Amino acid sequence: MSLYAVIFYTLGTVILVSTALAITRRNVMHAVVYLVISFIATALLFYLLGAPLLAALEVIIYAGAIMVLFLFLVMMLEIGKSPKTARAFLRQWLPALGLGAVSLAVTVILLLAESGAGSPLQSAMASPLAFGRFLFERYWFSVEIASYLLFVALVGALYLGRREEKPER
């Protein structure tokens, strides 16, 4: 088994575990952290598979812009306070720290590995201009639908998160 296969399966495991933890957490902030870990591991997987532009877009768009939007929505909602004991704190954040450490280790291995040293995959080189033209000429409708769905989700979250003031008598 090559180094790339080990990294591939490690990243796949990190993505599956962090996504499963993101959808099973009751605390919204924990779910957001696990989702960020999943997005970063997905970007590393794109980089491993020879698509550095997609890896950069994954980090910039999903782990960056969309997660900042989610964090703003989380800040607008009222969230209960987390427990103050060290044991409860570790129990809540230990999986996130472990998955983040694995993602960081894989990033270091990918950056320090010799480029092309027994690499079974060739990089898919495309300029951002060519990628943008391909995306918006062929899949413009899908991009518009995705942006519309994100907008509807934002409006729905704003509606659910607003506070209704009770009329005074």
N, C-alpha and C. Protein backbone atom coordinates (compact mmCIF):
# COMPACT_ATOMS: atom_id res chain seq x y z
N MET A 1 0.85 -1.17 0.00
CA MET A 1 0.00 0.00 0.00
C MET A 1 0.90 1.24 0.00
N SER A 2 0.64 2.15 -0.91
CA SER A 2 1.48 3.34 -1.04
C SER A 2 1.07 4.41 -0.02
N LEU A 3 1.92 5.42 0.08
CA LEU A 3 1.65 6.54 0.98
C LEU A 3 0.37 7.26 0.57
N TYR A 4 0.16 7.38 -0.74
CA TYR A 4 -1.04 8.07 -1.23
C TYR A 4 -2.32 7.31 -0.88
N ALA A 5 -2.26 5.99 -0.90
CA ALA A 5 -3.43 5.20 -0.52
C ALA A 5 -3.74 5.37 0.97
N VAL A 6 -2.69 5.38 1.79
CA VAL A 6 -2.89 5.58 3.24
C VAL A 6 -3.49 6.96 3.50
N ILE A 7 -2.96 7.97 2.84
CA ILE A 7 -3.49 9.33 3.01
C ILE A 7 -4.93 9.41 2.53
N PHE A 8 -5.23 8.77 1.40
CA PHE A 8 -6.59 8.78 0.84
C PHE A 8 -7.58 8.18 1.83
N TYR A 9 -7.27 7.02 2.36
CA TYR A 9 -8.18 6.36 3.30
C TYR A 9 -8.26 7.11 4.62
N THR A 10 -7.17 7.70 5.05
CA THR A 10 -7.20 8.51 6.28
C THR A 10 -8.11 9.72 6.10
N LEU A 11 -7.96 10.41 4.97
CA LEU A 11 -8.82 11.57 4.71
C LEU A 11 -10.28 11.16 4.56
N GLY A 12 -10.52 10.04 3.90
CA GLY A 12 -11.90 9.55 3.79
C GLY A 12 -12.52 9.27 5.14
N THR A 13 -11.73 8.68 6.03
CA THR A 13 -12.22 8.40 7.38
C THR A 13 -12.49 9.70 8.14
N VAL A 14 -11.59 10.67 8.03
CA VAL A 14 -11.79 11.96 8.71
C VAL A 14 -13.05 12.63 8.18
N ILE A 15 -13.27 12.59 6.87
CA ILE A 15 -14.46 13.22 6.29
C ILE A 15 -15.72 12.54 6.80
N LEU A 16 -15.75 11.21 6.78
CA LEU A 16 -16.95 10.50 7.23
C LEU A 16 -17.23 10.72 8.72
N VAL A 17 -16.19 10.63 9.55
CA VAL A 17 -16.39 10.79 10.99
C VAL A 17 -16.80 12.21 11.34
N SER A 18 -16.12 13.20 10.76
CA SER A 18 -16.45 14.59 11.11
C SER A 18 -17.83 14.99 10.58
N THR A 19 -18.22 14.48 9.43
CA THR A 19 -19.57 14.78 8.93
C THR A 19 -20.62 14.10 9.79
N ALA A 20 -20.37 12.85 10.19
CA ALA A 20 -21.32 12.17 11.07
C ALA A 20 -21.43 12.90 12.41
N LEU A 21 -20.31 13.37 12.94
CA LEU A 21 -20.36 14.13 14.20
C LEU A 21 -21.08 15.47 14.00
N ALA A 22 -20.93 16.08 12.82
CA ALA A 22 -21.59 17.36 12.56
C ALA A 22 -23.11 17.22 12.56
N ILE A 23 -23.61 16.12 12.05
CA ILE A 23 -25.07 15.99 11.97
C ILE A 23 -25.68 15.37 13.23
N THR A 24 -24.84 14.90 14.15
CA THR A 24 -25.39 14.31 15.37
C THR A 24 -25.19 15.19 16.61
N ARG A 25 -24.53 16.32 16.50
CA ARG A 25 -24.30 17.19 17.66
C ARG A 25 -25.54 18.02 17.94
N ARG A 26 -25.83 18.18 19.21
CA ARG A 26 -26.93 19.04 19.62
C ARG A 26 -26.49 20.51 19.68
N ASN A 27 -25.23 20.73 20.03
CA ASN A 27 -24.71 22.09 20.09
C ASN A 27 -24.35 22.54 18.68
N VAL A 28 -24.92 23.64 18.25
CA VAL A 28 -24.74 24.11 16.88
C VAL A 28 -23.28 24.50 16.61
N MET A 29 -22.62 25.08 17.60
CA MET A 29 -21.24 25.50 17.41
C MET A 29 -20.33 24.29 17.18
N HIS A 30 -20.58 23.20 17.88
CA HIS A 30 -19.80 21.98 17.67
C HIS A 30 -20.03 21.43 16.26
N ALA A 31 -21.28 21.47 15.81
CA ALA A 31 -21.59 21.00 14.46
C ALA A 31 -20.86 21.82 13.41
N VAL A 32 -20.77 23.13 13.61
CA VAL A 32 -20.06 23.99 12.66
C VAL A 32 -18.57 23.65 12.64
N VAL A 33 -17.99 23.41 13.80
CA VAL A 33 -16.56 23.06 13.85
C VAL A 33 -16.30 21.75 13.12
N TYR A 34 -17.15 20.75 13.34
CA TYR A 34 -16.97 19.47 12.65
C TYR A 34 -17.17 19.62 11.15
N LEU A 35 -18.08 20.49 10.74
CA LEU A 35 -18.29 20.71 9.31
C LEU A 35 -17.07 21.39 8.68
N VAL A 36 -16.45 22.31 9.39
CA VAL A 36 -15.22 22.95 8.89
C VAL A 36 -14.12 21.90 8.72
N ILE A 37 -13.98 21.01 9.69
CA ILE A 37 -12.98 19.94 9.58
C ILE A 37 -13.26 19.07 8.36
N SER A 38 -14.53 18.77 8.13
CA SER A 38 -14.91 17.96 6.97
C SER A 38 -14.57 18.68 5.67
N PHE A 39 -14.82 19.99 5.60
CA PHE A 39 -14.50 20.75 4.39
C PHE A 39 -13.00 20.81 4.14
N ILE A 40 -12.22 20.98 5.19
CA ILE A 40 -10.76 21.05 5.03
C ILE A 40 -10.22 19.69 4.58
N ALA A 41 -10.74 18.61 5.15
CA ALA A 41 -10.30 17.28 4.72
C ALA A 41 -10.71 17.01 3.28
N THR A 42 -11.86 17.50 2.87
CA THR A 42 -12.28 17.36 1.47
C THR A 42 -11.35 18.13 0.55
N ALA A 43 -10.95 19.32 0.96
CA ALA A 43 -9.98 20.09 0.16
C ALA A 43 -8.66 19.35 0.04
N LEU A 44 -8.21 18.74 1.12
CA LEU A 44 -6.97 17.96 1.07
C LEU A 44 -7.12 16.75 0.14
N LEU A 45 -8.30 16.16 0.12
CA LEU A 45 -8.54 15.04 -0.79
C LEU A 45 -8.50 15.50 -2.25
N PHE A 46 -9.08 16.67 -2.53
CA PHE A 46 -8.99 17.22 -3.88
C PHE A 46 -7.54 17.46 -4.28
N TYR A 47 -6.76 18.00 -3.34
CA TYR A 47 -5.35 18.26 -3.62
C TYR A 47 -4.60 16.96 -3.88
N LEU A 48 -4.89 15.94 -3.10
CA LEU A 48 -4.25 14.64 -3.27
C LEU A 48 -4.59 14.04 -4.63
N LEU A 49 -5.81 14.24 -5.08
CA LEU A 49 -6.25 13.66 -6.35
C LEU A 49 -5.84 14.50 -7.56
N GLY A 50 -5.04 15.53 -7.35
CA GLY A 50 -4.50 16.29 -8.47
C GLY A 50 -5.34 17.46 -8.92
N ALA A 51 -6.15 18.01 -8.07
CA ALA A 51 -6.98 19.16 -8.43
C ALA A 51 -6.75 20.29 -7.42
N PRO A 52 -5.60 20.98 -7.52
CA PRO A 52 -5.31 22.03 -6.54
C PRO A 52 -6.27 23.21 -6.62
N LEU A 53 -6.81 23.51 -7.80
CA LEU A 53 -7.76 24.62 -7.91
C LEU A 53 -9.05 24.30 -7.15
N LEU A 54 -9.54 23.08 -7.28
CA LEU A 54 -10.74 22.69 -6.53
C LEU A 54 -10.47 22.68 -5.03
N ALA A 55 -9.25 22.30 -4.64
CA ALA A 55 -8.90 22.34 -3.22
C ALA A 55 -8.94 23.77 -2.69
N ALA A 56 -8.38 24.69 -3.46
CA ALA A 56 -8.41 26.10 -3.05
C ALA A 56 -9.83 26.64 -3.01
N LEU A 57 -10.64 26.28 -3.99
CA LEU A 57 -12.03 26.73 -3.99
C LEU A 57 -12.81 26.15 -2.82
N GLU A 58 -12.53 24.92 -2.47
CA GLU A 58 -13.19 24.28 -1.31
C GLU A 58 -12.89 25.05 -0.03
N VAL A 59 -11.62 25.42 0.14
CA VAL A 59 -11.23 26.14 1.35
C VAL A 59 -11.80 27.56 1.33
N ILE A 60 -11.69 28.24 0.20
CA ILE A 60 -12.13 29.63 0.14
C ILE A 60 -13.64 29.75 0.23
N ILE A 61 -14.36 28.95 -0.56
CA ILE A 61 -15.81 29.10 -0.62
C ILE A 61 -16.51 28.42 0.55
N TYR A 62 -16.23 27.13 0.76
CA TYR A 62 -16.98 26.40 1.78
C TYR A 62 -16.44 26.63 3.18
N ALA A 63 -15.16 26.33 3.39
CA ALA A 63 -14.62 26.47 4.74
C ALA A 63 -14.49 27.94 5.12
N GLY A 64 -14.44 28.82 4.14
CA GLY A 64 -14.32 30.24 4.41
C GLY A 64 -15.66 30.94 4.45
N ALA A 65 -16.17 31.24 3.27
CA ALA A 65 -17.34 32.12 3.16
C ALA A 65 -18.62 31.51 3.74
N ILE A 66 -18.94 30.30 3.37
CA ILE A 66 -20.19 29.71 3.83
C ILE A 66 -20.16 29.45 5.33
N MET A 67 -19.03 29.02 5.85
CA MET A 67 -18.95 28.76 7.29
C MET A 67 -18.98 30.06 8.09
N VAL A 68 -18.46 31.15 7.55
CA VAL A 68 -18.59 32.44 8.22
C VAL A 68 -20.06 32.85 8.25
N LEU A 69 -20.77 32.58 7.18
CA LEU A 69 -22.20 32.86 7.15
C LEU A 69 -22.92 32.03 8.22
N PHE A 70 -22.58 30.75 8.32
CA PHE A 70 -23.19 29.91 9.36
C PHE A 70 -22.85 30.42 10.76
N LEU A 71 -21.61 30.87 10.96
CA LEU A 71 -21.23 31.39 12.27
C LEU A 71 -22.03 32.65 12.62
N PHE A 72 -22.27 33.51 11.64
CA PHE A 72 -23.10 34.68 11.91
C PHE A 72 -24.52 34.27 12.29
N LEU A 73 -25.04 33.25 11.62
CA LEU A 73 -26.38 32.78 11.98
C LEU A 73 -26.40 32.17 13.37
N VAL A 74 -25.35 31.44 13.72
CA VAL A 74 -25.27 30.84 15.06
C VAL A 74 -25.20 31.94 16.12
N MET A 75 -24.48 33.01 15.82
CA MET A 75 -24.38 34.11 16.78
C MET A 75 -25.72 34.82 16.96
N MET A 76 -26.56 34.81 15.91
CA MET A 76 -27.86 35.47 16.02
C MET A 76 -28.84 34.63 16.84
N LEU A 77 -28.67 33.32 16.81
CA LEU A 77 -29.55 32.44 17.58
C LEU A 77 -29.09 32.39 19.02
N GLU A 78 -30.01 32.11 19.92
CA GLU A 78 -29.63 31.97 21.32
C GLU A 78 -29.19 30.54 21.57
N ILE A 79 -27.97 30.38 22.04
CA ILE A 79 -27.42 29.06 22.30
C ILE A 79 -27.14 28.96 23.80
N GLY A 80 -27.49 27.82 24.38
CA GLY A 80 -27.24 27.61 25.80
C GLY A 80 -25.74 27.57 26.08
N LYS A 81 -25.39 27.87 27.31
CA LYS A 81 -23.98 27.87 27.70
C LYS A 81 -23.48 26.44 27.85
N SER A 82 -22.21 26.24 27.53
CA SER A 82 -21.61 24.92 27.66
C SER A 82 -21.13 24.73 29.09
N PRO A 83 -20.97 23.48 29.51
CA PRO A 83 -20.54 23.21 30.89
C PRO A 83 -19.14 23.76 31.17
N LYS A 84 -18.91 24.10 32.41
CA LYS A 84 -17.65 24.75 32.80
C LYS A 84 -16.59 23.76 33.27
N THR A 85 -16.93 22.52 33.55
CA THR A 85 -15.93 21.60 34.07
C THR A 85 -14.96 21.18 32.97
N ALA A 86 -13.74 20.88 33.38
CA ALA A 86 -12.69 20.50 32.42
C ALA A 86 -13.01 19.16 31.76
N ARG A 87 -13.60 18.27 32.51
CA ARG A 87 -13.93 16.95 31.95
C ARG A 87 -14.99 17.06 30.86
N ALA A 88 -16.01 17.85 31.11
CA ALA A 88 -17.07 18.04 30.10
C ALA A 88 -16.52 18.78 28.88
N PHE A 89 -15.63 19.73 29.12
CA PHE A 89 -15.01 20.47 28.02
C PHE A 89 -14.21 19.52 27.13
N LEU A 90 -13.40 18.66 27.75
CA LEU A 90 -12.61 17.70 26.98
C LEU A 90 -13.48 16.70 26.24
N ARG A 91 -14.54 16.25 26.89
CA ARG A 91 -15.43 15.29 26.25
C ARG A 91 -16.09 15.90 25.01
N GLN A 92 -16.39 17.19 25.06
CA GLN A 92 -17.03 17.84 23.92
C GLN A 92 -16.05 18.13 22.80
N TRP A 93 -14.84 18.57 23.13
CA TRP A 93 -13.92 19.05 22.11
C TRP A 93 -12.83 18.06 21.73
N LEU A 94 -12.67 16.96 22.44
CA LEU A 94 -11.62 16.00 22.11
C LEU A 94 -11.77 15.39 20.71
N PRO A 95 -12.97 14.99 20.28
CA PRO A 95 -13.06 14.48 18.90
C PRO A 95 -12.67 15.52 17.85
N ALA A 96 -13.06 16.77 18.05
CA ALA A 96 -12.70 17.82 17.09
C ALA A 96 -11.20 18.05 17.07
N LEU A 97 -10.59 18.05 18.24
CA LEU A 97 -9.13 18.22 18.29
C LEU A 97 -8.41 17.05 17.64
N GLY A 98 -8.90 15.83 17.85
CA GLY A 98 -8.28 14.66 17.24
C GLY A 98 -8.40 14.67 15.72
N LEU A 99 -9.60 14.96 15.21
CA LEU A 99 -9.79 15.01 13.76
C LEU A 99 -9.01 16.16 13.13
N GLY A 100 -8.95 17.28 13.82
CA GLY A 100 -8.15 18.41 13.33
C GLY A 100 -6.67 18.08 13.30
N ALA A 101 -6.20 17.35 14.31
CA ALA A 101 -4.78 16.95 14.34
C ALA A 101 -4.45 15.98 13.20
N VAL A 102 -5.37 15.05 12.91
CA VAL A 102 -5.15 14.13 11.78
C VAL A 102 -5.11 14.90 10.47
N SER A 103 -6.02 15.86 10.29
CA SER A 103 -6.02 16.67 9.07
C SER A 103 -4.74 17.49 8.96
N LEU A 104 -4.27 18.04 10.06
CA LEU A 104 -3.02 18.80 10.05
C LEU A 104 -1.83 17.91 9.71
N ALA A 105 -1.81 16.70 10.26
CA ALA A 105 -0.71 15.77 9.96
C ALA A 105 -0.70 15.39 8.48
N VAL A 106 -1.87 15.15 7.91
CA VAL A 106 -1.94 14.82 6.49
C VAL A 106 -1.50 16.01 5.64
N THR A 107 -1.86 17.22 6.05
CA THR A 107 -1.43 18.42 5.33
C THR A 107 0.08 18.53 5.33
N VAL A 108 0.70 18.31 6.47
CA VAL A 108 2.16 18.38 6.56
C VAL A 108 2.80 17.31 5.69
N ILE A 109 2.26 16.10 5.71
CA ILE A 109 2.80 15.02 4.88
C ILE A 109 2.69 15.36 3.41
N LEU A 110 1.54 15.91 2.99
CA LEU A 110 1.36 16.28 1.59
C LEU A 110 2.30 17.40 1.17
N LEU A 111 2.53 18.35 2.06
CA LEU A 111 3.41 19.46 1.71
C LEU A 111 4.88 19.07 1.70
N LEU A 112 5.26 18.13 2.56
CA LEU A 112 6.66 17.74 2.64
C LEU A 112 7.02 16.59 1.69
N ALA A 113 6.03 15.89 1.16
CA ALA A 113 6.31 14.79 0.24
C ALA A 113 6.90 15.34 -1.05
N GLU A 114 7.83 14.62 -1.60
CA GLU A 114 8.44 15.04 -2.85
C GLU A 114 7.39 15.01 -3.95
N SER A 115 7.31 16.09 -4.72
CA SER A 115 6.31 16.13 -5.78
C SER A 115 6.70 15.17 -6.89
N GLY A 116 5.78 14.33 -7.25
CA GLY A 116 6.00 13.38 -8.33
C GLY A 116 6.77 12.15 -7.91
N ALA A 117 7.08 11.97 -6.65
CA ALA A 117 7.84 10.80 -6.20
C ALA A 117 6.92 9.60 -6.13
N GLY A 118 6.82 8.88 -7.20
CA GLY A 118 5.96 7.71 -7.23
C GLY A 118 4.49 8.05 -7.22
N SER A 119 4.16 9.25 -7.64
CA SER A 119 2.77 9.68 -7.64
C SER A 119 2.00 8.95 -8.74
N PRO A 120 0.95 8.21 -8.38
CA PRO A 120 0.19 7.51 -9.40
C PRO A 120 -0.75 8.43 -10.18
N LEU A 121 -0.97 9.64 -9.69
CA LEU A 121 -1.92 10.54 -10.33
C LEU A 121 -1.22 11.78 -10.88
N GLN A 122 -1.61 12.18 -12.05
CA GLN A 122 -1.10 13.42 -12.63
C GLN A 122 -2.03 14.55 -12.22
N SER A 123 -1.46 15.72 -12.01
CA SER A 123 -2.27 16.86 -11.65
C SER A 123 -3.14 17.28 -12.83
N ALA A 124 -4.37 17.62 -12.53
CA ALA A 124 -5.27 18.13 -13.55
C ALA A 124 -5.09 19.63 -13.61
N MET A 125 -4.30 20.09 -14.52
CA MET A 125 -4.00 21.51 -14.60
C MET A 125 -5.01 22.23 -15.50
N ALA A 126 -5.67 23.19 -14.94
CA ALA A 126 -6.59 24.05 -15.68
C ALA A 126 -6.50 25.43 -15.07
N SER A 127 -6.49 26.42 -15.93
CA SER A 127 -6.42 27.78 -15.41
C SER A 127 -7.77 28.14 -14.79
N PRO A 128 -7.78 29.08 -13.85
CA PRO A 128 -9.06 29.49 -13.27
C PRO A 128 -10.02 30.04 -14.33
N LEU A 129 -9.49 30.68 -15.37
CA LEU A 129 -10.35 31.19 -16.44
C LEU A 129 -11.05 30.04 -17.17
N ALA A 130 -10.28 29.01 -17.51
CA ALA A 130 -10.87 27.86 -18.21
C ALA A 130 -11.88 27.14 -17.31
N PHE A 131 -11.56 27.01 -16.03
CA PHE A 131 -12.49 26.36 -15.11
C PHE A 131 -13.78 27.18 -14.97
N GLY A 132 -13.64 28.48 -14.83
CA GLY A 132 -14.83 29.34 -14.72
C GLY A 132 -15.69 29.29 -15.96
N ARG A 133 -15.06 29.34 -17.11
CA ARG A 133 -15.83 29.24 -18.36
C ARG A 133 -16.55 27.91 -18.46
N PHE A 134 -15.85 26.83 -18.14
CA PHE A 134 -16.47 25.50 -18.18
C PHE A 134 -17.65 25.43 -17.23
N LEU A 135 -17.46 25.92 -16.01
CA LEU A 135 -18.51 25.84 -15.00
C LEU A 135 -19.72 26.67 -15.37
N PHE A 136 -19.51 27.92 -15.79
CA PHE A 136 -20.63 28.81 -16.02
C PHE A 136 -21.22 28.69 -17.43
N GLU A 137 -20.52 28.05 -18.36
CA GLU A 137 -21.13 27.80 -19.67
C GLU A 137 -21.94 26.52 -19.68
N ARG A 138 -21.46 25.49 -19.00
CA ARG A 138 -22.15 24.20 -19.01
C ARG A 138 -23.13 24.04 -17.85
N TYR A 139 -22.74 24.49 -16.67
CA TYR A 139 -23.52 24.22 -15.46
C TYR A 139 -24.04 25.50 -14.81
N TRP A 140 -24.34 26.52 -15.59
CA TRP A 140 -24.78 27.78 -15.02
C TRP A 140 -26.10 27.63 -14.27
N PHE A 141 -26.99 26.79 -14.76
CA PHE A 141 -28.28 26.62 -14.10
C PHE A 141 -28.12 25.96 -12.73
N SER A 142 -27.26 24.97 -12.65
CA SER A 142 -27.01 24.29 -11.37
C SER A 142 -26.39 25.24 -10.36
N VAL A 143 -25.47 26.09 -10.82
CA VAL A 143 -24.85 27.07 -9.93
C VAL A 143 -25.89 28.05 -9.42
N GLU A 144 -26.78 28.50 -10.29
CA GLU A 144 -27.84 29.43 -9.88
C GLU A 144 -28.81 28.78 -8.90
N ILE A 145 -29.15 27.52 -9.12
CA ILE A 145 -30.05 26.82 -8.20
C ILE A 145 -29.39 26.68 -6.83
N ALA A 146 -28.10 26.32 -6.82
CA ALA A 146 -27.40 26.18 -5.53
C ALA A 146 -27.35 27.51 -4.79
N SER A 147 -27.07 28.60 -5.50
CA SER A 147 -27.02 29.91 -4.84
C SER A 147 -28.40 30.32 -4.34
N TYR A 148 -29.44 29.99 -5.09
CA TYR A 148 -30.80 30.30 -4.65
C TYR A 148 -31.17 29.50 -3.40
N LEU A 149 -30.81 28.22 -3.37
CA LEU A 149 -31.10 27.40 -2.19
C LEU A 149 -30.37 27.91 -0.96
N LEU A 150 -29.12 28.35 -1.12
CA LEU A 150 -28.40 28.93 0.01
C LEU A 150 -29.08 30.22 0.49
N PHE A 151 -29.57 31.01 -0.44
CA PHE A 151 -30.27 32.24 -0.07
C PHE A 151 -31.56 31.93 0.69
N VAL A 152 -32.33 30.96 0.22
CA VAL A 152 -33.56 30.56 0.90
C VAL A 152 -33.25 30.03 2.29
N ALA A 153 -32.18 29.25 2.43
CA ALA A 153 -31.79 28.74 3.74
C ALA A 153 -31.41 29.88 4.67
N LEU A 154 -30.73 30.89 4.17
CA LEU A 154 -30.36 32.05 4.98
C LEU A 154 -31.60 32.80 5.45
N VAL A 155 -32.54 33.03 4.54
CA VAL A 155 -33.77 33.74 4.91
C VAL A 155 -34.56 32.93 5.94
N GLY A 156 -34.63 31.60 5.74
CA GLY A 156 -35.32 30.75 6.71
C GLY A 156 -34.67 30.79 8.08
N ALA A 157 -33.34 30.78 8.12
CA ALA A 157 -32.64 30.84 9.40
C ALA A 157 -32.85 32.19 10.08
N LEU A 158 -32.85 33.25 9.28
CA LEU A 158 -33.13 34.58 9.86
C LEU A 158 -34.54 34.64 10.43
N TYR A 159 -35.50 34.06 9.73
CA TYR A 159 -36.88 34.05 10.21
C TYR A 159 -37.01 33.25 11.50
N LEU A 160 -36.37 32.09 11.54
CA LEU A 160 -36.43 31.26 12.74
C LEU A 160 -35.67 31.87 13.92
N GLY A 161 -34.63 32.65 13.63
CA GLY A 161 -33.80 33.19 14.69
C GLY A 161 -34.25 34.53 15.23
N ARG A 162 -35.22 35.14 14.60
CA ARG A 162 -35.63 36.46 15.09
C ARG A 162 -36.42 36.33 16.38
N ARG A 163 -36.35 37.38 17.14
CA ARG A 163 -37.06 37.40 18.42
C ARG A 163 -38.38 38.15 18.24
N GLU A 164 -39.41 37.54 18.70
CA GLU A 164 -40.71 38.20 18.64
C GLU A 164 -40.92 38.97 19.93
N GLU A 165 -41.24 40.23 19.78
CA GLU A 165 -41.49 41.05 20.97
C GLU A 165 -42.96 40.93 21.35
N LYS A 166 -43.17 40.72 22.62
CA LYS A 166 -44.54 40.60 23.11
C LYS A 166 -45.10 41.99 23.36
N PRO A 167 -46.34 42.21 22.92
CA PRO A 167 -46.92 43.55 23.16
C PRO A 167 -47.20 43.77 24.64
N GLU A 168 -46.90 44.97 25.08
CA GLU A 168 -47.13 45.31 26.48
C GLU A 168 -48.55 45.80 26.65
N ARG A 169 -49.15 45.53 27.79
CA ARG A 169 -50.53 45.96 28.05
C ARG A 169 -50.56 47.19 28.86
